[in-house]
Amino acid sequence: MKGFKDFIMRGNLVEIAVGLIIATSFATVVATFTDVIMSLIAKVLGANPDFSSFKPGDIPVGAFITAVVAFLILAAVVYFGVVKPYTAMRERFVKNEEETTDESVELLREIRDSLRAGRA
């Protein structure tokens, strides 16, 4: 029973569960935002942006075009709303840690070189 408790309370499992819950909620936000963008496209073009009925040469590619447009909107929202801010924040905070690590590595190299010089 202790092993199961340790497994359930493991940090990674809890973090993954929280991430999935947030991702599900975020999916609803992005889907709604996609609908807003599609409506704006409809107003600009003066037509419904649902291409499902588009069949050039009697090949039903309209649903695919609609899915691609929705995917591109989703990718843009995720990139500009999550990835870009996260990357900027990470670079800002990780930079200080890397500088400390670089000094430590340099000091270890000097110690190594001194030890090697002492053996020769």
Protein backbone atom coordinates (compact mmCIF):
# COMPACT_ATOMS: atom_id res chain seq x y z
CA MET A 1 0.00 0.00 0.00
CA LYS A 2 2.91 2.35 0.73
CA GLY A 3 4.23 1.92 -2.81
CA PHE A 4 0.85 2.90 -4.28
CA LYS A 5 0.67 5.96 -2.01
CA ASP A 6 4.18 6.98 -3.08
CA PHE A 7 3.21 6.53 -6.73
CA ILE A 8 0.07 8.67 -6.38
CA MET A 9 1.81 11.39 -4.41
CA ARG A 10 4.80 11.55 -6.74
CA GLY A 11 5.28 15.13 -7.92
CA ASN A 12 5.38 14.33 -11.62
CA LEU A 13 2.04 12.54 -11.57
CA VAL A 14 0.33 15.43 -9.79
CA GLU A 15 1.92 17.94 -12.16
CA ILE A 16 0.75 15.95 -15.18
CA ALA A 17 -2.79 15.75 -13.81
CA VAL A 18 -2.89 19.50 -13.21
CA GLY A 19 -1.46 20.10 -16.70
CA LEU A 20 -4.15 17.93 -18.29
CA ILE A 21 -6.93 19.73 -16.41
CA ILE A 22 -5.59 23.11 -17.46
CA ALA A 23 -5.08 21.92 -21.05
CA THR A 24 -8.70 20.79 -21.24
CA SER A 25 -9.91 24.19 -20.06
CA PHE A 26 -7.47 25.96 -22.36
CA ALA A 27 -8.78 23.93 -25.31
CA THR A 28 -12.23 25.43 -24.73
CA VAL A 29 -10.77 28.93 -24.63
CA VAL A 30 -8.84 28.37 -27.86
CA ALA A 31 -11.86 26.81 -29.60
CA THR A 32 -13.97 29.83 -28.67
CA PHE A 33 -11.22 32.19 -29.83
CA THR A 34 -11.04 30.27 -33.10
CA ASP A 35 -14.78 30.82 -33.57
CA VAL A 36 -14.27 34.55 -32.98
CA ILE A 37 -11.47 34.70 -35.58
CA MET A 38 -13.53 32.68 -38.08
CA SER A 39 -16.42 35.13 -37.57
CA LEU A 40 -14.08 38.06 -38.18
CA ILE A 41 -12.87 36.38 -41.37
CA ALA A 42 -16.52 35.95 -42.39
CA LYS A 43 -17.19 39.66 -41.86
CA VAL A 44 -14.11 40.69 -43.86
CA LEU A 45 -14.80 38.29 -46.71
CA GLY A 46 -18.55 38.75 -46.55
CA ALA A 47 -19.05 34.98 -46.53
CA ASN A 48 -19.14 32.14 -44.06
CA PRO A 49 -15.58 30.85 -43.45
CA ASP A 50 -16.86 27.27 -43.32
CA PHE A 51 -15.45 25.72 -46.46
CA SER A 52 -17.12 22.33 -45.93
CA SER A 53 -19.23 22.63 -49.06
CA PHE A 54 -16.21 23.53 -51.25
CA LYS A 55 -15.71 20.66 -53.75
CA PRO A 56 -13.46 21.56 -56.69
CA GLY A 57 -13.62 18.82 -59.29
CA ASP A 58 -16.12 17.00 -57.04
CA ILE A 59 -13.36 16.32 -54.46
CA PRO A 60 -14.48 17.26 -50.92
CA VAL A 61 -11.50 19.31 -49.71
CA GLY A 62 -13.56 21.98 -47.95
CA ALA A 63 -13.59 20.28 -44.54
CA PHE A 64 -9.81 19.89 -44.77
CA ILE A 65 -9.37 23.61 -45.56
CA THR A 66 -11.58 24.54 -42.60
CA ALA A 67 -9.55 22.25 -40.33
CA VAL A 68 -6.26 23.74 -41.57
CA VAL A 69 -7.46 27.30 -40.93
CA ALA A 70 -8.64 26.32 -37.43
CA PHE A 71 -5.29 24.59 -36.77
CA LEU A 72 -3.30 27.63 -37.89
CA ILE A 73 -5.34 29.85 -35.58
CA LEU A 74 -4.82 27.40 -32.72
CA ALA A 75 -1.08 27.22 -33.39
CA ALA A 76 -0.82 31.02 -33.43
CA VAL A 77 -2.72 31.33 -30.14
CA VAL A 78 -0.56 28.70 -28.46
CA TYR A 79 2.67 30.16 -29.82
CA PHE A 80 2.00 33.82 -29.04
CA GLY A 81 -0.03 33.18 -25.88
CA VAL A 82 2.02 30.42 -24.24
CA VAL A 83 5.31 29.50 -25.93
CA LYS A 84 6.71 32.98 -26.58
CA PRO A 85 5.95 34.40 -23.07
CA TYR A 86 7.21 31.19 -21.44
CA THR A 87 10.45 31.28 -23.43
CA ALA A 88 11.03 34.94 -22.54
CA MET A 89 10.37 34.26 -18.86
CA ARG A 90 12.58 31.18 -18.86
CA GLU A 91 15.47 33.01 -20.51
CA ARG A 92 15.15 35.78 -17.96
CA PHE A 93 15.29 33.48 -14.92
CA VAL A 94 17.52 30.68 -16.21
CA LYS A 95 20.16 33.15 -17.33
CA ASN A 96 21.18 33.80 -13.71
CA GLU A 97 21.48 30.06 -13.02
CA GLU A 98 23.63 29.51 -16.11
CA GLU A 99 26.04 32.27 -15.10
CA THR A 100 26.54 30.59 -11.72
CA THR A 101 27.04 27.23 -13.39
CA ASP A 102 29.58 28.68 -15.83
CA GLU A 103 31.66 30.07 -12.94
CA SER A 104 31.52 26.73 -11.14
CA VAL A 105 32.56 24.86 -14.25
CA GLU A 106 35.44 27.27 -14.84
CA LEU A 107 36.61 26.84 -11.24
CA LEU A 108 36.48 23.04 -11.57
CA ARG A 109 38.50 23.24 -14.78
CA GLU A 110 41.16 25.31 -13.02
CA ILE A 111 41.34 22.77 -10.19
CA ARG A 112 41.60 19.93 -12.70
CA ASP A 113 44.35 21.68 -14.61
CA SER A 114 46.26 22.40 -11.38
CA LEU A 115 46.04 18.74 -10.37
CA ARG A 116 47.25 17.62 -13.78
CA ALA A 117 50.15 20.07 -13.66
CA GLY A 118 51.12 18.72 -10.21
CA ARG A 119 51.34 15.13 -11.52
CA ALA A 120 53.54 15.98 -14.48
